[in-house]
C-alpha atoms as a PDB file:
ATOM      1  CA  MET A   1     -39.548  -7.675 -17.373  1.00  0.00           C
ATOM      2  CA  ALA A   2     -38.530  -6.857 -13.800  1.00  0.00           C
ATOM      3  CA  GLU A   3     -37.359  -3.356 -12.978  1.00  0.00           C
ATOM      4  CA  PRO A   4     -33.569  -3.078 -12.490  1.00  0.00           C
ATOM      5  CA  ARG A   5     -32.593  -3.052  -8.859  1.00  0.00           C
ATOM      6  CA  SER A   6     -31.338   0.254  -7.498  1.00  0.00           C
ATOM      7  CA  ASP A   7     -27.731   0.712  -6.405  1.00  0.00           C
ATOM      8  CA  ALA A   8     -28.864   0.867  -2.788  1.00  0.00           C
ATOM      9  CA  GLU A   9     -30.767  -2.399  -3.190  1.00  0.00           C
ATOM     10  CA  LEU A  10     -27.664  -4.023  -4.661  1.00  0.00           C
ATOM     11  CA  LEU A  11     -25.574  -2.849  -1.701  1.00  0.00           C
ATOM     12  CA  GLY A  12     -28.174  -4.348   0.636  1.00  0.00           C
ATOM     13  CA  LEU A  13     -27.870  -7.662  -1.180  1.00  0.00           C
ATOM     14  CA  ILE A  14     -24.069  -7.468  -1.069  1.00  0.00           C
ATOM     15  CA  ALA A  15     -24.204  -6.813   2.675  1.00  0.00           C
ATOM     16  CA  SER A  16     -26.305  -9.962   3.051  1.00  0.00           C
ATOM     17  CA  GLY A  17     -23.724 -12.022   1.153  1.00  0.00           C
ATOM     18  CA  ASP A  18     -25.044 -11.984  -2.427  1.00  0.00           C
ATOM     19  CA  VAL A  19     -21.877 -12.225  -4.525  1.00  0.00           C
ATOM     20  CA  ARG A  20     -23.791 -11.845  -7.799  1.00  0.00           C
ATOM     21  CA  ALA A  21     -24.891  -8.385  -6.715  1.00  0.00           C
ATOM     22  CA  VAL A  22     -21.223  -7.344  -6.580  1.00  0.00           C
ATOM     23  CA  GLY A  23     -20.856  -8.301 -10.236  1.00  0.00           C
ATOM     24  CA  GLU A  24     -24.021  -6.438 -11.153  1.00  0.00           C
ATOM     25  CA  LEU A  25     -22.823  -3.285  -9.410  1.00  0.00           C
ATOM     26  CA  TYR A  26     -19.414  -3.655 -11.087  1.00  0.00           C
ATOM     27  CA  ASP A  27     -20.960  -4.031 -14.558  1.00  0.00           C
ATOM     28  CA  ARG A  28     -23.121  -0.983 -13.945  1.00  0.00           C
ATOM     29  CA  HIS A  29     -20.403   1.434 -12.830  1.00  0.00           C
ATOM     30  CA  SER A  30     -16.944   0.136 -13.828  1.00  0.00           C
ATOM     31  CA  SER A  31     -16.946   2.224 -17.026  1.00  0.00           C
ATOM     32  CA  ILE A  32     -17.260   5.353 -14.866  1.00  0.00           C
ATOM     33  CA  LEU A  33     -14.856   4.292 -12.111  1.00  0.00           C
ATOM     34  CA  PHE A  34     -11.989   2.925 -14.208  1.00  0.00           C
ATOM     35  CA  PRO A  35     -11.108   6.273 -15.893  1.00  0.00           C
ATOM     36  CA  ILE A  36     -11.013   7.920 -12.458  1.00  0.00           C
ATOM     37  CA  ALA A  37      -8.473   5.388 -11.222  1.00  0.00           C
ATOM     38  CA  LEU A  38      -6.475   5.601 -14.455  1.00  0.00           C
ATOM     39  CA  ARG A  39      -6.280   9.386 -14.281  1.00  0.00           C
ATOM     40  CA  ILE A  40      -4.736   9.185 -10.795  1.00  0.00           C
ATOM     41  CA  VAL A  41      -2.414   6.166 -11.009  1.00  0.00           C
ATOM     42  CA  ARG A  42      -1.520   6.751 -14.715  1.00  0.00           C
ATOM     43  CA  ASP A  43      -1.028   3.052 -15.378  1.00  0.00           C
ATOM     44  CA  ARG A  44      -3.683   0.788 -16.890  1.00  0.00           C
ATOM     45  CA  SER A  45      -2.648  -2.320 -15.001  1.00  0.00           C
ATOM     46  CA  GLU A  46      -2.576  -0.480 -11.686  1.00  0.00           C
ATOM     47  CA  ALA A  47      -5.946   1.119 -12.420  1.00  0.00           C
ATOM     48  CA  GLU A  48      -7.393  -2.355 -12.988  1.00  0.00           C
ATOM     49  CA  ASP A  49      -5.931  -3.435  -9.646  1.00  0.00           C
ATOM     50  CA  VAL A  50      -7.502  -0.417  -7.962  1.00  0.00           C
ATOM     51  CA  LEU A  51     -10.904  -1.270  -9.396  1.00  0.00           C
ATOM     52  CA  HIS A  52     -10.562  -4.869  -8.229  1.00  0.00           C
ATOM     53  CA  ASP A  53      -9.546  -3.710  -4.745  1.00  0.00           C
ATOM     54  CA  ALA A  54     -12.444  -1.256  -4.676  1.00  0.00           C
ATOM     55  CA  PHE A  55     -15.047  -3.949  -5.266  1.00  0.00           C
ATOM     56  CA  VAL A  56     -13.394  -6.247  -2.746  1.00  0.00           C
ATOM     57  CA  ALA A  57     -13.803  -3.341  -0.328  1.00  0.00           C
ATOM     58  CA  VAL A  58     -17.427  -2.877  -1.432  1.00  0.00           C
ATOM     59  CA  ASN A  59     -18.067  -6.503  -0.533  1.00  0.00           C
ATOM     60  CA  ASP A  60     -16.597  -5.864   2.936  1.00  0.00           C
ATOM     61  CA  ARG A  61     -18.094  -2.415   3.565  1.00  0.00           C
ATOM     62  CA  ALA A  62     -21.523  -2.567   1.924  1.00  0.00           C
ATOM     63  CA  SER A  63     -23.232  -2.506   5.303  1.00  0.00           C
ATOM     64  CA  GLN A  64     -21.448   0.781   6.135  1.00  0.00           C
ATOM     65  CA  TYR A  65     -23.094   2.698   3.306  1.00  0.00           C
ATOM     66  CA  ALA A  66     -25.480   5.404   4.544  1.00  0.00           C
ATOM     67  CA  ALA A  67     -27.866   6.865   1.968  1.00  0.00           C
ATOM     68  CA  GLU A  68     -28.089  10.202   3.804  1.00  0.00           C
ATOM     69  CA  ARG A  69     -24.397  10.803   3.081  1.00  0.00           C
ATOM     70  CA  GLY A  70     -24.839  10.673  -0.687  1.00  0.00           C
ATOM     71  CA  SER A  71     -25.560   8.408  -3.628  1.00  0.00           C
ATOM     72  CA  VAL A  72     -23.997   4.998  -4.106  1.00  0.00           C
ATOM     73  CA  ILE A  73     -22.039   6.163  -7.154  1.00  0.00           C
ATOM     74  CA  ALA A  74     -20.626   9.087  -5.146  1.00  0.00           C
ATOM     75  CA  TRP A  75     -19.592   6.601  -2.466  1.00  0.00           C
ATOM     76  CA  LEU A  76     -17.943   4.394  -5.080  1.00  0.00           C
ATOM     77  CA  VAL A  77     -16.145   7.327  -6.689  1.00  0.00           C
ATOM     78  CA  THR A  78     -14.763   8.384  -3.305  1.00  0.00           C
ATOM     79  CA  LEU A  79     -13.645   4.821  -2.582  1.00  0.00           C
ATOM     80  CA  VAL A  80     -11.861   4.466  -5.935  1.00  0.00           C
ATOM     81  CA  ARG A  81     -10.266   7.897  -5.653  1.00  0.00           C
ATOM     82  CA  ASN A  82      -8.945   7.167  -2.155  1.00  0.00           C
ATOM     83  CA  LEU A  83      -7.571   3.767  -3.168  1.00  0.00           C
ATOM     84  CA  SER A  84      -5.919   5.310  -6.224  1.00  0.00           C
ATOM     85  CA  ILE A  85      -4.287   8.041  -4.147  1.00  0.00           C
ATOM     86  CA  ASP A  86      -3.132   5.459  -1.580  1.00  0.00           C
ATOM     87  CA  ARG A  87      -1.580   3.336  -4.333  1.00  0.00           C
ATOM     88  CA  THR A  88       0.199   6.361  -5.801  1.00  0.00           C
ATOM     89  CA  ARG A  89       1.559   7.313  -2.386  1.00  0.00           C
ATOM     90  CA  ARG A  90       2.804   3.772  -1.766  1.00  0.00           C
ATOM     91  CA  ARG A  91       4.608   3.862  -5.102  1.00  0.00           C
ATOM     92  CA  GLU A  92       6.225   7.155  -4.132  1.00  0.00           C
ATOM     93  CA  ARG A  93       7.142   5.807  -0.688  1.00  0.00           C
ATOM     94  CA  ARG A  94       8.804   2.782  -2.290  1.00  0.00           C
ATOM     95  CA  GLY A  95      10.872   5.142  -4.403  1.00  0.00           C
ATOM     96  CA  THR A  96      11.799   7.159  -1.320  1.00  0.00           C
ATOM     97  CA  LEU A  97      12.763   4.068   0.657  1.00  0.00           C
ATOM     98  CA  ALA A  98      14.818   2.772  -2.240  1.00  0.00           C
ATOM     99  CA  ARG A  99      16.730   6.056  -2.360  1.00  0.00           C
ATOM    100  CA  ASP A 100      17.313   5.985   1.411  1.00  0.00           C
ATOM    101  CA  VAL A 101      18.195   2.304   1.844  1.00  0.00           C
ATOM    102  CA  LEU A 102      19.597   1.071  -1.436  1.00  0.00           C
ATOM    103  CA  PRO A 103      23.077   2.131  -2.542  1.00  0.00           C
ATOM    104  CA  HIS A 104      22.894   5.324  -4.584  1.00  0.00           C
ATOM    105  CA  GLU A 105      23.622   4.788  -8.248  1.00  0.00           C
ATOM    106  CA  PRO A 106      25.753   7.095 -10.376  1.00  0.00           C
ATOM    107  CA  PRO A 107      24.396   8.289 -13.729  1.00  0.00           C
ATOM    108  CA  ALA A 108      23.969   5.436 -16.194  1.00  0.00           C
ATOM    109  CA  SER A 109      26.758   6.786 -18.404  1.00  0.00           C
ATOM    110  CA  ASN A 110      29.223   6.372 -15.502  1.00  0.00           C
ATOM    111  CA  ARG A 111      28.289   2.785 -14.663  1.00  0.00           C
ATOM    112  CA  ASP A 112      30.425  -0.026 -16.013  1.00  0.00           C
ATOM    113  CA  PRO A 113      29.578  -3.757 -15.995  1.00  0.00           C
ATOM    114  CA  GLU A 114      31.605  -4.366 -12.833  1.00  0.00           C
ATOM    115  CA  ARG A 115      29.695  -1.631 -10.993  1.00  0.00           C
ATOM    116  CA  LEU A 116      26.349  -2.959 -12.219  1.00  0.00           C
ATOM    117  CA  THR A 117      27.256  -6.422 -10.936  1.00  0.00           C
ATOM    118  CA  SER A 118      28.244  -4.948  -7.580  1.00  0.00           C
ATOM    119  CA  ASP A 119      24.982  -2.988  -7.279  1.00  0.00           C
ATOM    120  CA  ALA A 120      22.928  -6.086  -8.042  1.00  0.00           C
ATOM    121  CA  SER A 121      24.843  -7.974  -5.360  1.00  0.00           C
ATOM    122  CA  GLU A 122      24.149  -5.204  -2.821  1.00  0.00           C
ATOM    123  CA  ARG A 123      20.444  -5.281  -3.566  1.00  0.00           C
ATOM    124  CA  GLU A 124      20.331  -9.041  -3.143  1.00  0.00           C
ATOM    125  CA  LYS A 125      22.003  -8.680   0.256  1.00  0.00           C
ATOM    126  CA  ILE A 126      19.426  -6.093   1.294  1.00  0.00           C
ATOM    127  CA  ARG A 127      16.575  -8.366   0.225  1.00  0.00           C
ATOM    128  CA  ARG A 128      18.077 -11.194   2.274  1.00  0.00           C
ATOM    129  CA  ALA A 129      18.420  -8.869   5.270  1.00  0.00           C
ATOM    130  CA  LEU A 130      14.759  -7.874   5.040  1.00  0.00           C
ATOM    131  CA  ASP A 131      13.783 -11.540   4.869  1.00  0.00           C
ATOM    132  CA  THR A 132      15.491 -12.210   8.210  1.00  0.00           C
ATOM    133  CA  LEU A 133      13.135  -9.887  10.100  1.00  0.00           C
ATOM    134  CA  PRO A 134      10.286 -11.431  12.092  1.00  0.00           C
ATOM    135  CA  GLU A 135       6.974 -11.129  10.249  1.00  0.00           C
ATOM    136  CA  ALA A 136       5.499  -8.563  12.661  1.00  0.00           C
ATOM    137  CA  GLN A 137       8.554  -6.303  12.422  1.00  0.00           C
ATOM    138  CA  ARG A 138       8.828  -6.563   8.652  1.00  0.00           C
ATOM    139  CA  GLN A 139       5.115  -5.865   8.258  1.00  0.00           C
ATOM    140  CA  THR A 140       5.331  -2.778  10.477  1.00  0.00           C
ATOM    141  CA  LEU A 141       8.160  -1.348   8.348  1.00  0.00           C
ATOM    142  CA  GLU A 142       6.344  -2.140   5.111  1.00  0.00           C
ATOM    143  CA  VAL A 143       3.157  -0.458   6.297  1.00  0.00           C
ATOM    144  CA  ALA A 144       5.040   2.594   7.591  1.00  0.00           C
ATOM    145  CA  PHE A 145       7.211   3.037   4.492  1.00  0.00           C
ATOM    146  CA  PHE A 146       5.142   1.611   1.633  1.00  0.00           C
ATOM    147  CA  GLU A 147       1.607   2.530   2.708  1.00  0.00           C
ATOM    148  CA  GLY A 148       2.657   5.808   4.318  1.00  0.00           C
ATOM    149  CA  LEU A 149       0.738   5.218   7.554  1.00  0.00           C
ATOM    150  CA  SER A 150       1.794   6.924  10.769  1.00  0.00           C
ATOM    151  CA  TYR A 151       2.443   4.849  13.884  1.00  0.00           C
ATOM    152  CA  PRO A 152      -0.903   5.935  15.441  1.00  0.00           C
ATOM    153  CA  GLU A 153      -2.680   4.866  12.231  1.00  0.00           C
ATOM    154  CA  ILE A 154      -0.932   1.478  12.279  1.00  0.00           C
ATOM    155  CA  ALA A 155      -1.834   1.020  15.953  1.00  0.00           C
ATOM    156  CA  ALA A 156      -5.479   1.836  15.244  1.00  0.00           C
ATOM    157  CA  ARG A 157      -5.634  -0.498  12.252  1.00  0.00           C
ATOM    158  CA  GLU A 158      -4.041  -3.408  14.126  1.00  0.00           C
ATOM    159  CA  ASN A 159      -5.862  -2.592  17.369  1.00  0.00           C
ATOM    160  CA  VAL A 160      -2.678  -2.617  19.459  1.00  0.00           C
ATOM    161  CA  PRO A 161      -1.163   0.040  21.754  1.00  0.00           C
ATOM    162  CA  LEU A 162       0.800   2.826  20.085  1.00  0.00           C
ATOM    163  CA  GLY A 163       3.827   2.032  22.271  1.00  0.00           C
ATOM    164  CA  THR A 164       3.854  -1.520  20.917  1.00  0.00           C
ATOM    165  CA  ILE A 165       4.014  -0.267  17.339  1.00  0.00           C
ATOM    166  CA  LYS A 166       6.782   2.249  18.109  1.00  0.00           C
ATOM    167  CA  SER A 167       8.925  -0.305  19.942  1.00  0.00           C
ATOM    168  CA  ARG A 168       8.300  -2.898  17.230  1.00  0.00           C
ATOM    169  CA  ALA A 169       9.420  -0.422  14.555  1.00  0.00           C
ATOM    170  CA  ALA A 170      12.513   0.532  16.542  1.00  0.00           C
ATOM    171  CA  ARG A 171      13.478  -3.121  16.960  1.00  0.00           C
ATOM    172  CA  ALA A 172      12.808  -3.743  13.277  1.00  0.00           C
ATOM    173  CA  LEU A 173      15.077  -0.899  12.181  1.00  0.00           C
ATOM    174  CA  ALA A 174      17.834  -2.043  14.542  1.00  0.00           C
ATOM    175  CA  ALA A 175      17.492  -5.648  13.377  1.00  0.00           C
ATOM    176  CA  LEU A 176      17.562  -4.557   9.751  1.00  0.00           C
ATOM    177  CA  ARG A 177      20.772  -2.571  10.283  1.00  0.00           C
ATOM    178  CA  ASP A 178      22.375  -5.555  12.065  1.00  0.00           C
ATOM    179  CA  ALA A 179      21.325  -7.888   9.263  1.00  0.00           C
ATOM    180  CA  LEU A 180      22.748  -5.511   6.669  1.00  0.00           C
ATOM    181  CA  VAL A 181      26.066  -5.384   8.539  1.00  0.00           C
ATOM    182  CA  LYS A 182      26.183  -9.184   8.598  1.00  0.00           C
ATOM    183  CA  GLU A 183      25.542  -9.173   4.857  1.00  0.00           C
ATOM    184  CA  GLY A 184      28.508  -6.831   4.441  1.00  0.00           C
ATOM    185  CA  VAL A 185      26.459  -3.783   3.443  1.00  0.00           C
ATOM    186  CA  THR A 186      27.799  -0.474   4.693  1.00  0.00           C
ATOM    187  CA  LEU A 187      24.852   1.686   5.630  1.00  0.00           C
ATOM    188  CA  ASP A 188      24.311   4.761   7.763  1.00  0.00           C
ATOM    189  CA  GLY A 189      20.953   4.019   9.376  1.00  0.00           C
ATOM    190  CA  SER A 190      20.429   7.485  10.856  1.00  0.00           C
ATOM    191  CA  GLU A 191      18.555   8.736   7.814  1.00  0.00           C
ATOM    192  CA  MET A 192      16.303   5.675   7.780  1.00  0.00           C
ATOM    193  CA  SER A 193      15.615   6.000  11.516  1.00  0.00           C
ATOM    194  CA  SER A 194      14.743   9.666  11.306  1.00  0.00           C
ATOM    195  CA  LYS A 195      12.404   9.024   8.396  1.00  0.00           C
ATOM    196  CA  ALA A 196      10.629   6.247  10.275  1.00  0.00           C
ATOM    197  CA  GLY A 197      10.468   8.342  13.407  1.00  0.00           C
ATOM    198  CA  SER A 198       8.709  11.096  11.519  1.00  0.00           C
ATOM    199  CA  THR A 199       5.728   8.805  10.992  1.00  0.00           C
ATOM    200  CA  GLY A 200       5.005   8.867  14.714  1.00  0.00           C
END
């Protein structure tokens, strides 16, 4: 019987396009990596998503692995931990954005059916306003707010000048406020602007 291939050998195969090697590496280490993700994101479904994303990343980054920097399992653990932390931060950013943009809700005990109906209507208007933004502008806001990236980080990832990202974000925020006004939503955009500006 042939000797099992080492982790490094599997990564070499993955880098050369061997999809089966990805599955072999997954089967070998998923039982170690999944609890790490679960401990950070605290949700089984999200931990499964993290693990899936991690091995998609492995398929893309296998050629970047350098043995002198540590073992393959250490590399995988770092990858899963970073993806888990990123997912947790995005979840927190979504909560922050919701508090800043969506109408603030009173305690549940003070909400009557008419108020609940009104709140749902406001949220639908906000969703429609977001949908009116050009794709590039909407994507810039989503990355800044939901992924927690700074403008320099977005510029580096998209390989465009920093000034382009800043002006795109400014136009996106202005367009979003205009769209909200057209939808009949009363919103003070200063808080949203200052929050976005802080990412630069």
